[in-house]
C-alpha atoms as a PDB file:
ATOM      1  CA  UNK A   1     -18.509 -14.332  12.470  1.00  0.00           C
ATOM      2  CA  UNK A   2     -15.102 -14.122  13.224  1.00  0.00           C
ATOM      3  CA  UNK A   3     -12.437 -12.038  11.142  1.00  0.00           C
ATOM      4  CA  UNK A   4      -8.934 -12.588  11.177  1.00  0.00           C
ATOM      5  CA  UNK A   5      -5.826  -9.803  10.172  1.00  0.00           C
ATOM      6  CA  UNK A   6      -2.759 -10.842   9.749  1.00  0.00           C
ATOM      7  CA  UNK A   7      -0.091  -7.810   9.250  1.00  0.00           C
ATOM      8  CA  UNK A   8      -0.073  -5.151  11.750  1.00  0.00           C
ATOM      9  CA  UNK A   9       2.715  -2.701  10.430  1.00  0.00           C
ATOM     10  CA  UNK A  10       1.987   1.143   9.416  1.00  0.00           C
ATOM     11  CA  UNK A  11      -1.257   0.119   7.708  1.00  0.00           C
ATOM     12  CA  UNK A  12      -2.474  -2.982   9.165  1.00  0.00           C
ATOM     13  CA  UNK A  13      -2.826  -1.880  12.544  1.00  0.00           C
ATOM     14  CA  UNK A  14      -5.030   0.811  11.914  1.00  0.00           C
ATOM     15  CA  UNK A  15      -6.856  -1.252   9.734  1.00  0.00           C
ATOM     16  CA  UNK A  16      -7.715  -3.878  12.473  1.00  0.00           C
ATOM     17  CA  UNK A  17      -8.205  -1.412  14.348  1.00  0.00           C
ATOM     18  CA  UNK A  18     -11.379   0.073  12.767  1.00  0.00           C
ATOM     19  CA  UNK A  19     -12.602  -3.718  12.254  1.00  0.00           C
ATOM     20  CA  UNK A  20     -12.663  -3.715  16.241  1.00  0.00           C
ATOM     21  CA  UNK A  21     -14.283  -0.191  16.518  1.00  0.00           C
ATOM     22  CA  UNK A  22     -16.698  -1.422  14.235  1.00  0.00           C
ATOM     23  CA  UNK A  23     -17.818  -4.467  16.652  1.00  0.00           C
ATOM     24  CA  UNK A  24     -16.558  -7.226  14.991  1.00  0.00           C
ATOM     25  CA  UNK A  25     -14.849 -10.214  16.416  1.00  0.00           C
ATOM     26  CA  UNK A  26     -11.298  -9.930  15.476  1.00  0.00           C
ATOM     27  CA  UNK A  27      -8.539 -12.255  15.853  1.00  0.00           C
ATOM     28  CA  UNK A  28      -4.802 -10.767  15.365  1.00  0.00           C
ATOM     29  CA  UNK A  29      -1.130 -12.040  13.905  1.00  0.00           C
ATOM     30  CA  UNK A  30       2.359 -10.307  13.395  1.00  0.00           C
ATOM     31  CA  UNK A  31       5.292 -11.401  13.768  1.00  0.00           C
ATOM     32  CA  UNK A  32       6.197  -7.800  15.961  1.00  0.00           C
ATOM     33  CA  UNK A  33       4.311  -8.528  19.317  1.00  0.00           C
ATOM     34  CA  UNK A  34       4.096  -4.993  20.132  1.00  0.00           C
ATOM     35  CA  UNK A  35       1.410  -4.084  17.641  1.00  0.00           C
ATOM     36  CA  UNK A  36      -0.547  -7.246  18.396  1.00  0.00           C
ATOM     37  CA  UNK A  37      -0.446  -6.470  22.117  1.00  0.00           C
ATOM     38  CA  UNK A  38      -1.814  -2.905  21.250  1.00  0.00           C
ATOM     39  CA  UNK A  39      -4.569  -4.635  19.146  1.00  0.00           C
ATOM     40  CA  UNK A  40      -5.579  -6.997  22.023  1.00  0.00           C
ATOM     41  CA  UNK A  41      -6.062  -4.015  24.377  1.00  0.00           C
ATOM     42  CA  UNK A  42      -8.374  -2.548  21.983  1.00  0.00           C
ATOM     43  CA  UNK A  43     -10.214  -5.703  22.030  1.00  0.00           C
ATOM     44  CA  UNK A  44      -8.846  -8.160  19.311  1.00  0.00           C
ATOM     45  CA  UNK A  45      -7.783 -11.514  20.073  1.00  0.00           C
ATOM     46  CA  UNK A  46      -4.464 -12.338  19.440  1.00  0.00           C
ATOM     47  CA  UNK A  47      -4.405 -16.184  17.657  1.00  0.00           C
ATOM     48  CA  UNK A  48      -2.098 -18.441  15.545  1.00  0.00           C
ATOM     49  CA  UNK A  49      -2.462 -19.245  11.910  1.00  0.00           C
ATOM     50  CA  UNK A  50      -4.164 -22.206  13.186  1.00  0.00           C
ATOM     51  CA  UNK A  51      -6.887 -20.567  14.969  1.00  0.00           C
ATOM     52  CA  UNK A  52      -7.151 -18.110  12.636  1.00  0.00           C
ATOM     53  CA  UNK A  53      -8.246 -20.462   9.453  1.00  0.00           C
ATOM     54  CA  UNK A  54     -10.153 -22.578  11.943  1.00  0.00           C
ATOM     55  CA  UNK A  55     -12.668 -19.855  13.452  1.00  0.00           C
ATOM     56  CA  UNK A  56     -12.354 -16.830  10.874  1.00  0.00           C
ATOM     57  CA  UNK A  57     -14.726 -16.809   7.538  1.00  0.00           C
ATOM     58  CA  UNK A  58     -12.867 -13.739   6.275  1.00  0.00           C
ATOM     59  CA  UNK A  59      -9.330 -13.278   6.756  1.00  0.00           C
ATOM     60  CA  UNK A  60      -7.332 -10.169   5.623  1.00  0.00           C
ATOM     61  CA  UNK A  61      -3.770  -9.917   5.335  1.00  0.00           C
ATOM     62  CA  UNK A  62      -1.281  -6.943   4.555  1.00  0.00           C
ATOM     63  CA  UNK A  63       2.156  -7.944   4.426  1.00  0.00           C
ATOM     64  CA  UNK A  64       5.260  -6.489   2.835  1.00  0.00           C
ATOM     65  CA  UNK A  65       6.016  -9.073   0.163  1.00  0.00           C
ATOM     66  CA  UNK A  66       4.215 -11.813  -2.361  1.00  0.00           C
ATOM     67  CA  UNK A  67       6.765 -14.493  -0.328  1.00  0.00           C
ATOM     68  CA  UNK A  68       5.575 -13.727   2.439  1.00  0.00           C
ATOM     69  CA  UNK A  69       2.028 -13.735   1.424  1.00  0.00           C
ATOM     70  CA  UNK A  70       2.536 -17.256  -0.195  1.00  0.00           C
ATOM     71  CA  UNK A  71       4.086 -18.194   2.837  1.00  0.00           C
ATOM     72  CA  UNK A  72       1.545 -16.982   5.327  1.00  0.00           C
ATOM     73  CA  UNK A  73      -1.094 -18.976   3.125  1.00  0.00           C
ATOM     74  CA  UNK A  74       0.587 -21.633   1.975  1.00  0.00           C
ATOM     75  CA  UNK A  75       3.568 -22.235   4.177  1.00  0.00           C
ATOM     76  CA  UNK A  76       4.199 -25.155   6.344  1.00  0.00           C
ATOM     77  CA  UNK A  77       1.489 -24.524   9.211  1.00  0.00           C
ATOM     78  CA  UNK A  78      -0.385 -21.749   7.094  1.00  0.00           C
ATOM     79  CA  UNK A  79      -3.619 -20.454   6.905  1.00  0.00           C
ATOM     80  CA  UNK A  80      -4.641 -22.487   3.876  1.00  0.00           C
ATOM     81  CA  UNK A  81      -3.859 -25.638   6.040  1.00  0.00           C
ATOM     82  CA  UNK A  82      -6.816 -24.784   8.162  1.00  0.00           C
ATOM     83  CA  UNK A  83      -9.560 -22.683   6.787  1.00  0.00           C
ATOM     84  CA  UNK A  84     -12.903 -24.094   6.364  1.00  0.00           C
ATOM     85  CA  UNK A  85     -14.940 -24.379   2.679  1.00  0.00           C
ATOM     86  CA  UNK A  86     -15.759 -20.769   1.759  1.00  0.00           C
ATOM     87  CA  UNK A  87     -13.452 -18.615   3.823  1.00  0.00           C
ATOM     88  CA  UNK A  88     -12.691 -15.386   2.161  1.00  0.00           C
ATOM     89  CA  UNK A  89      -8.992 -14.423   2.069  1.00  0.00           C
ATOM     90  CA  UNK A  90      -8.698 -10.854   1.074  1.00  0.00           C
ATOM     91  CA  UNK A  91      -4.993 -10.067   0.234  1.00  0.00           C
ATOM     92  CA  UNK A  92      -4.267  -6.239   0.909  1.00  0.00           C
ATOM     93  CA  UNK A  93      -0.385  -6.527  -0.069  1.00  0.00           C
ATOM     94  CA  UNK A  94       1.244  -4.795  -3.120  1.00  0.00           C
ATOM     95  CA  UNK A  95       1.775  -7.514  -5.785  1.00  0.00           C
ATOM     96  CA  UNK A  96       1.977  -8.667  -9.059  1.00  0.00           C
ATOM     97  CA  UNK A  97      -0.980 -10.053 -10.873  1.00  0.00           C
ATOM     98  CA  UNK A  98       0.695 -13.268 -11.477  1.00  0.00           C
ATOM     99  CA  UNK A  99       0.734 -13.472  -7.556  1.00  0.00           C
ATOM    100  CA  UNK A 100      -2.339 -13.131  -6.672  1.00  0.00           C
ATOM    101  CA  UNK A 101      -3.450 -15.400  -9.690  1.00  0.00           C
ATOM    102  CA  UNK A 102      -1.383 -18.126  -7.331  1.00  0.00           C
ATOM    103  CA  UNK A 103      -3.060 -17.457  -4.522  1.00  0.00           C
ATOM    104  CA  UNK A 104      -6.662 -17.380  -6.059  1.00  0.00           C
ATOM    105  CA  UNK A 105      -5.610 -20.997  -7.365  1.00  0.00           C
ATOM    106  CA  UNK A 106      -4.047 -22.508  -4.241  1.00  0.00           C
ATOM    107  CA  UNK A 107      -7.322 -21.371  -1.943  1.00  0.00           C
ATOM    108  CA  UNK A 108      -9.623 -22.705  -5.012  1.00  0.00           C
ATOM    109  CA  UNK A 109      -7.962 -26.389  -4.183  1.00  0.00           C
ATOM    110  CA  UNK A 110      -9.262 -25.941  -0.682  1.00  0.00           C
ATOM    111  CA  UNK A 111     -12.583 -24.590  -1.377  1.00  0.00           C
ATOM    112  CA  UNK A 112     -11.624 -21.616  -0.228  1.00  0.00           C
ATOM    113  CA  UNK A 113     -11.777 -17.820  -2.047  1.00  0.00           C
ATOM    114  CA  UNK A 114      -9.762 -14.810  -2.592  1.00  0.00           C
ATOM    115  CA  UNK A 115      -9.835 -11.548  -3.615  1.00  0.00           C
ATOM    116  CA  UNK A 116      -6.787  -9.294  -4.393  1.00  0.00           C
ATOM    117  CA  UNK A 117      -7.544  -6.107  -2.985  1.00  0.00           C
ATOM    118  CA  UNK A 118      -4.816  -3.415  -2.549  1.00  0.00           C
ATOM    119  CA  UNK A 119      -5.194  -0.454  -0.749  1.00  0.00           C
ATOM    120  CA  UNK A 120      -4.099   3.762  -1.850  1.00  0.00           C
ATOM    121  CA  UNK A 121      -4.116   6.115   1.298  1.00  0.00           C
ATOM    122  CA  UNK A 122      -0.769   4.793   3.123  1.00  0.00           C
ATOM    123  CA  UNK A 123      -0.525   5.709   6.849  1.00  0.00           C
ATOM    124  CA  UNK A 124      -2.892   8.623   7.166  1.00  0.00           C
ATOM    125  CA  UNK A 125      -6.107   7.206   4.978  1.00  0.00           C
ATOM    126  CA  UNK A 126      -5.702   3.795   7.341  1.00  0.00           C
ATOM    127  CA  UNK A 127      -5.908   5.930  10.512  1.00  0.00           C
ATOM    128  CA  UNK A 128      -8.635   7.713   9.058  1.00  0.00           C
ATOM    129  CA  UNK A 129     -10.002   4.605   7.916  1.00  0.00           C
ATOM    130  CA  UNK A 130     -10.445   6.583   4.281  1.00  0.00           C
ATOM    131  CA  UNK A 131      -8.720   3.933   2.061  1.00  0.00           C
ATOM    132  CA  UNK A 132      -9.325   3.163  -1.656  1.00  0.00           C
ATOM    133  CA  UNK A 133      -9.459  -0.243  -1.965  1.00  0.00           C
ATOM    134  CA  UNK A 134      -9.386  -1.729  -5.837  1.00  0.00           C
ATOM    135  CA  UNK A 135     -10.389  -5.273  -5.609  1.00  0.00           C
ATOM    136  CA  UNK A 136     -10.264  -8.310  -7.958  1.00  0.00           C
ATOM    137  CA  UNK A 137     -12.176 -11.603  -7.829  1.00  0.00           C
ATOM    138  CA  UNK A 138     -15.436 -13.005  -8.300  1.00  0.00           C
ATOM    139  CA  UNK A 139     -18.525 -10.880  -8.387  1.00  0.00           C
ATOM    140  CA  UNK A 140     -20.567 -12.963  -5.670  1.00  0.00           C
ATOM    141  CA  UNK A 141     -17.202 -13.045  -3.243  1.00  0.00           C
ATOM    142  CA  UNK A 142     -16.987  -9.414  -3.626  1.00  0.00           C
ATOM    143  CA  UNK A 143     -20.384  -8.850  -2.478  1.00  0.00           C
ATOM    144  CA  UNK A 144     -20.117 -10.886   0.615  1.00  0.00           C
ATOM    145  CA  UNK A 145     -16.945  -9.572   1.792  1.00  0.00           C
ATOM    146  CA  UNK A 146     -17.422  -5.676   0.768  1.00  0.00           C
ATOM    147  CA  UNK A 147     -18.821  -5.460   4.045  1.00  0.00           C
ATOM    148  CA  UNK A 148     -16.072  -6.345   6.042  1.00  0.00           C
ATOM    149  CA  UNK A 149     -13.886  -3.770   4.326  1.00  0.00           C
ATOM    150  CA  UNK A 150     -16.189  -0.724   4.699  1.00  0.00           C
ATOM    151  CA  UNK A 151     -14.708   0.128   8.082  1.00  0.00           C
ATOM    152  CA  UNK A 152     -11.726   1.222   6.807  1.00  0.00           C
ATOM    153  CA  UNK A 153     -12.775   2.265   3.194  1.00  0.00           C
ATOM    154  CA  UNK A 154     -13.588   5.598   1.280  1.00  0.00           C
ATOM    155  CA  UNK A 155     -14.232   3.570  -2.014  1.00  0.00           C
ATOM    156  CA  UNK A 156     -13.899  -0.570  -2.587  1.00  0.00           C
ATOM    157  CA  UNK A 157     -14.625  -1.023  -6.283  1.00  0.00           C
ATOM    158  CA  UNK A 158     -14.526  -4.428  -8.187  1.00  0.00           C
ATOM    159  CA  UNK A 159     -12.341  -4.001 -10.973  1.00  0.00           C
ATOM    160  CA  UNK A 160     -12.606  -7.381 -12.665  1.00  0.00           C
ATOM    161  CA  UNK A 161     -11.322 -11.110 -12.348  1.00  0.00           C
ATOM    162  CA  UNK A 162      -8.279 -12.079 -10.187  1.00  0.00           C
ATOM    163  CA  UNK A 163      -5.406 -10.056 -10.587  1.00  0.00           C
ATOM    164  CA  UNK A 164      -7.236  -6.928 -11.297  1.00  0.00           C
ATOM    165  CA  UNK A 165      -6.908  -5.291  -8.134  1.00  0.00           C
ATOM    166  CA  UNK A 166      -3.452  -5.837  -8.562  1.00  0.00           C
ATOM    167  CA  UNK A 167      -2.804  -4.277 -12.116  1.00  0.00           C
ATOM    168  CA  UNK A 168      -5.181  -1.390 -10.513  1.00  0.00           C
ATOM    169  CA  UNK A 169      -2.815  -0.534  -7.817  1.00  0.00           C
ATOM    170  CA  UNK A 170       0.611  -0.860  -9.904  1.00  0.00           C
ATOM    171  CA  UNK A 171      -1.288   1.641 -12.321  1.00  0.00           C
ATOM    172  CA  UNK A 172      -1.990   3.705  -9.216  1.00  0.00           C
ATOM    173  CA  UNK A 173       1.747   3.637  -8.286  1.00  0.00           C
ATOM    174  CA  UNK A 174       2.930   4.440 -11.238  1.00  0.00           C
ATOM    175  CA  UNK A 175       0.594   7.881 -11.670  1.00  0.00           C
ATOM    176  CA  UNK A 176       1.744   8.451  -8.097  1.00  0.00           C
ATOM    177  CA  UNK A 177       5.594   7.743  -7.867  1.00  0.00           C
ATOM    178  CA  UNK A 178       6.459   9.472 -10.894  1.00  0.00           C
ATOM    179  CA  UNK A 179       4.291  12.557 -10.144  1.00  0.00           C
ATOM    180  CA  UNK A 180       5.699  13.023  -7.040  1.00  0.00           C
ATOM    181  CA  UNK A 181       9.082  12.624  -9.213  1.00  0.00           C
ATOM    182  CA  UNK A 182       7.871  15.219 -11.284  1.00  0.00           C
ATOM    183  CA  UNK A 183       6.743  17.453  -8.378  1.00  0.00           C
ATOM    184  CA  UNK A 184      10.034  17.220  -6.763  1.00  0.00           C
ATOM    185  CA  UNK A 185      11.942  18.204 -10.307  1.00  0.00           C
ATOM    186  CA  UNK A 186       9.814  21.565 -10.552  1.00  0.00           C
ATOM    187  CA  UNK A 187      10.232  22.688  -7.223  1.00  0.00           C
ATOM    188  CA  UNK A 188      13.900  22.007  -7.365  1.00  0.00           C
ATOM    189  CA  UNK A 189      13.792  24.214 -10.288  1.00  0.00           C
ATOM    190  CA  UNK A 190      12.230  26.866  -8.474  1.00  0.00           C
ATOM    191  CA  UNK A 191      14.402  26.803  -5.665  1.00  0.00           C
ATOM    192  CA  UNK A 192      17.565  26.699  -7.902  1.00  0.00           C
ATOM    193  CA  UNK A 193      16.022  29.937  -9.753  1.00  0.00           C
ATOM    194  CA  UNK A 194      15.845  31.482  -6.636  1.00  0.00           C
ATOM    195  CA  UNK A 195      12.387  31.404  -5.662  1.00  0.00           C
ATOM    196  CA  UNK A 196      10.291  30.476  -2.926  1.00  0.00           C
ATOM    197  CA  UNK A 197       9.243  26.879  -2.914  1.00  0.00           C
ATOM    198  CA  UNK A 198       6.030  27.253  -0.885  1.00  0.00           C
ATOM    199  CA  UNK A 199       5.320  30.241  -2.680  1.00  0.00           C
ATOM    200  CA  UNK A 200       5.369  28.402  -5.508  1.00  0.00           C
ATOM    201  CA  UNK A 201       3.159  25.888  -4.614  1.00  0.00           C
ATOM    202  CA  UNK A 202       0.728  28.034  -3.380  1.00  0.00           C
ATOM    203  CA  UNK A 203       0.631  29.621  -6.209  1.00  0.00           C
ATOM    204  CA  UNK A 204       0.211  26.598  -8.595  1.00  0.00           C
ATOM    205  CA  UNK A 205      -2.190  24.451  -6.480  1.00  0.00           C
ATOM    206  CA  UNK A 206      -5.317  25.971  -7.310  1.00  0.00           C
ATOM    207  CA  UNK A 207      -4.738  25.783 -11.097  1.00  0.00           C
ATOM    208  CA  UNK A 208      -4.165  22.739 -13.660  1.00  0.00           C
ATOM    209  CA  UNK A 209      -0.841  21.860 -11.822  1.00  0.00           C
ATOM    210  CA  UNK A 210      -2.707  20.722  -8.507  1.00  0.00           C
ATOM    211  CA  UNK A 211      -3.116  17.291  -7.347  1.00  0.00           C
ATOM    212  CA  UNK A 212      -3.872  15.347  -4.440  1.00  0.00           C
ATOM    213  CA  UNK A 213      -0.084  14.613  -4.662  1.00  0.00           C
ATOM    214  CA  UNK A 214       1.175  18.194  -4.850  1.00  0.00           C
ATOM    215  CA  UNK A 215      -0.852  19.204  -1.841  1.00  0.00           C
ATOM    216  CA  UNK A 216      -0.098  16.066   0.212  1.00  0.00           C
ATOM    217  CA  UNK A 217       3.883  15.959  -0.585  1.00  0.00           C
ATOM    218  CA  UNK A 218       4.865  19.272  -1.710  1.00  0.00           C
ATOM    219  CA  UNK A 219       4.730  20.643   1.901  1.00  0.00           C
ATOM    220  CA  UNK A 220       6.449  17.881   2.934  1.00  0.00           C
ATOM    221  CA  UNK A 221       9.502  18.576   0.351  1.00  0.00           C
ATOM    222  CA  UNK A 222       9.552  22.391   1.437  1.00  0.00           C
ATOM    223  CA  UNK A 223       9.405  21.687   5.272  1.00  0.00           C
ATOM    224  CA  UNK A 224      12.206  18.929   5.163  1.00  0.00           C
ATOM    225  CA  UNK A 225       9.539  16.540   6.546  1.00  0.00           C
ATOM    226  CA  UNK A 226      10.598  12.893   5.579  1.00  0.00           C
ATOM    227  CA  UNK A 227       9.267  11.526   8.298  1.00  0.00           C
ATOM    228  CA  UNK A 228       7.161   8.323   6.101  1.00  0.00           C
ATOM    229  CA  UNK A 229       3.281   8.033   5.493  1.00  0.00           C
ATOM    230  CA  UNK A 230       4.576   5.923   2.952  1.00  0.00           C
ATOM    231  CA  UNK A 231       8.317   4.797   2.435  1.00  0.00           C
ATOM    232  CA  UNK A 232      10.658   4.842  -0.190  1.00  0.00           C
ATOM    233  CA  UNK A 233      11.063   1.293   0.467  1.00  0.00           C
ATOM    234  CA  UNK A 234       7.585   0.180   0.037  1.00  0.00           C
ATOM    235  CA  UNK A 235       7.160   2.176  -3.326  1.00  0.00           C
ATOM    236  CA  UNK A 236      10.235   0.816  -4.511  1.00  0.00           C
ATOM    237  CA  UNK A 237       8.828  -2.914  -4.427  1.00  0.00           C
ATOM    238  CA  UNK A 238       5.917  -1.708  -5.970  1.00  0.00           C
ATOM    239  CA  UNK A 239       7.522   0.243  -8.899  1.00  0.00           C
ATOM    240  CA  UNK A 240      10.026  -3.149  -9.300  1.00  0.00           C
ATOM    241  CA  UNK A 241       6.817  -4.924  -9.568  1.00  0.00           C
ATOM    242  CA  UNK A 242       5.364  -2.720 -12.261  1.00  0.00           C
ATOM    243  CA  UNK A 243       8.763  -3.200 -14.190  1.00  0.00           C
ATOM    244  CA  UNK A 244       8.625  -6.701 -14.066  1.00  0.00           C
ATOM    245  CA  UNK A 245       4.772  -7.049 -14.477  1.00  0.00           C
ATOM    246  CA  UNK A 246       5.484  -4.499 -17.867  1.00  0.00           C
ATOM    247  CA  UNK A 247       8.230  -6.565 -19.348  1.00  0.00           C
ATOM    248  CA  UNK A 248       6.376  -9.877 -19.008  1.00  0.00           C
ATOM    249  CA  UNK A 249       3.464  -8.348 -21.183  1.00  0.00           C
ATOM    250  CA  UNK A 250       5.939  -6.494 -23.300  1.00  0.00           C
ATOM    251  CA  UNK A 251       4.231  -2.820 -22.137  1.00  0.00           C
ATOM    252  CA  UNK A 252       6.930  -0.092 -22.583  1.00  0.00           C
ATOM    253  CA  UNK A 253       7.018   1.747 -19.352  1.00  0.00           C
ATOM    254  CA  UNK A 254       9.991   4.556 -20.252  1.00  0.00           C
ATOM    255  CA  UNK A 255       8.922   7.197 -17.125  1.00  0.00           C
ATOM    256  CA  UNK A 256       8.260   4.623 -14.832  1.00  0.00           C
ATOM    257  CA  UNK A 257      11.705   2.450 -15.828  1.00  0.00           C
ATOM    258  CA  UNK A 258      13.641   5.877 -15.061  1.00  0.00           C
ATOM    259  CA  UNK A 259      11.780   6.439 -12.105  1.00  0.00           C
ATOM    260  CA  UNK A 260      12.859   2.607 -10.705  1.00  0.00           C
ATOM    261  CA  UNK A 261      16.505   3.862 -11.423  1.00  0.00           C
ATOM    262  CA  UNK A 262      16.065   7.099  -9.258  1.00  0.00           C
ATOM    263  CA  UNK A 263      14.839   4.945  -6.042  1.00  0.00           C
ATOM    264  CA  UNK A 264      17.877   2.533  -6.776  1.00  0.00           C
ATOM    265  CA  UNK A 265      19.991   5.982  -6.499  1.00  0.00           C
ATOM    266  CA  UNK A 266      18.061   6.476  -3.484  1.00  0.00           C
ATOM    267  CA  UNK A 267      18.460   3.184  -2.053  1.00  0.00           C
ATOM    268  CA  UNK A 268      22.613   3.551  -2.133  1.00  0.00           C
ATOM    269  CA  UNK A 269      22.257   6.523  -0.502  1.00  0.00           C
ATOM    270  CA  UNK A 270      20.356   5.422   2.470  1.00  0.00           C
ATOM    271  CA  UNK A 271      17.158   6.791   1.911  1.00  0.00           C
ATOM    272  CA  UNK A 272      14.919   3.677   1.304  1.00  0.00           C
ATOM    273  CA  UNK A 273      13.581   4.704   5.224  1.00  0.00           C
ATOM    274  CA  UNK A 274      12.202   8.181   4.190  1.00  0.00           C
ATOM    275  CA  UNK A 275       8.946   9.333   3.064  1.00  0.00           C
ATOM    276  CA  UNK A 276       8.300   8.965  -0.579  1.00  0.00           C
ATOM    277  CA  UNK A 277       8.205  13.047  -0.336  1.00  0.00           C
ATOM    278  CA  UNK A 278      11.747  12.509   0.076  1.00  0.00           C
ATOM    279  CA  UNK A 279      12.459  11.317  -3.936  1.00  0.00           C
ATOM    280  CA  UNK A 280      13.023  15.243  -4.279  1.00  0.00           C
ATOM    281  CA  UNK A 281      16.601  14.470  -2.770  1.00  0.00           C
ATOM    282  CA  UNK A 282      17.621  12.667  -5.920  1.00  0.00           C
ATOM    283  CA  UNK A 283      16.844  15.877  -7.847  1.00  0.00           C
ATOM    284  CA  UNK A 284      18.560  17.935  -4.916  1.00  0.00           C
ATOM    285  CA  UNK A 285      21.674  16.529  -5.370  1.00  0.00           C
ATOM    286  CA  UNK A 286      21.512  16.638  -9.172  1.00  0.00           C
ATOM    287  CA  UNK A 287      21.196  20.497  -8.922  1.00  0.00           C
ATOM    288  CA  UNK A 288      23.136  21.156  -5.707  1.00  0.00           C
ATOM    289  CA  UNK A 289      20.052  23.085  -3.754  1.00  0.00           C
ATOM    290  CA  UNK A 290      17.516  22.353  -1.253  1.00  0.00           C
ATOM    291  CA  UNK A 291      13.998  22.514  -1.677  1.00  0.00           C
ATOM    292  CA  UNK A 292      12.963  24.765   1.745  1.00  0.00           C
ATOM    293  CA  UNK A 293      10.645  27.625   2.352  1.00  0.00           C
ATOM    294  CA  UNK A 294      12.678  31.037   2.679  1.00  0.00           C
ATOM    295  CA  UNK A 295      12.698  33.012   6.069  1.00  0.00           C
ATOM    296  CA  UNK A 296       9.881  35.142   6.261  1.00  0.00           C
END
């Protein structure tokens, strides 16, 4: 079976490469010709939306916004115009559950199936082929599609019907981004008090304060390394989706609402291209101190 992959950004490019390495016949598309050429050099084929729709039994998308997903699928000349009945579209983009259900309903009208399957792990997880994939959709469709996600996954879990994958991803983003903010606040506190943030991190990481987020992001903070694995811009979009979804269902989110404003402040100050460990810069500005390890 041919597999289509649309969206070759920070995450999509390594994900598509894993499909090629697994021996699958992969057709790729992206507005940027450079990653397309890179994938073609690895053994994929460059293809139009029409070619992907007509040729592929499974089609993956991972795109910046829900609007782009809708346009790629349902816009003029979009994939949905050409898919065969029984085709499975797997959307790895981070969108709202309502937006995922729109895709599900739209594809059902042309006889195709849809899974919302956002991922967690950032660019490092995509490169390593160790992404956590949280999936929403019909169980029989999930069982048919699961094998095609395995080349880039550490875990793949069906969390419920359509939209539940997107809900799970938003819950994940609440936890991850608030955790980064709290790590930031703690290390800024330690630096302002005169302690070495690196030593503080090493002292607490094996206790109850330890977490995957602490291990991944604290060293980036005190080494002043904000080269993105996941940008503040992308996470700001996810937190915006959290706020929109929470307001729609009357779920209070006081911590995340504050986090949204923190990210808005970082946007104003030009930090959206930084890794989300760069959230520390908001707290540094408040305290007039930098989180950086002390010279030996």
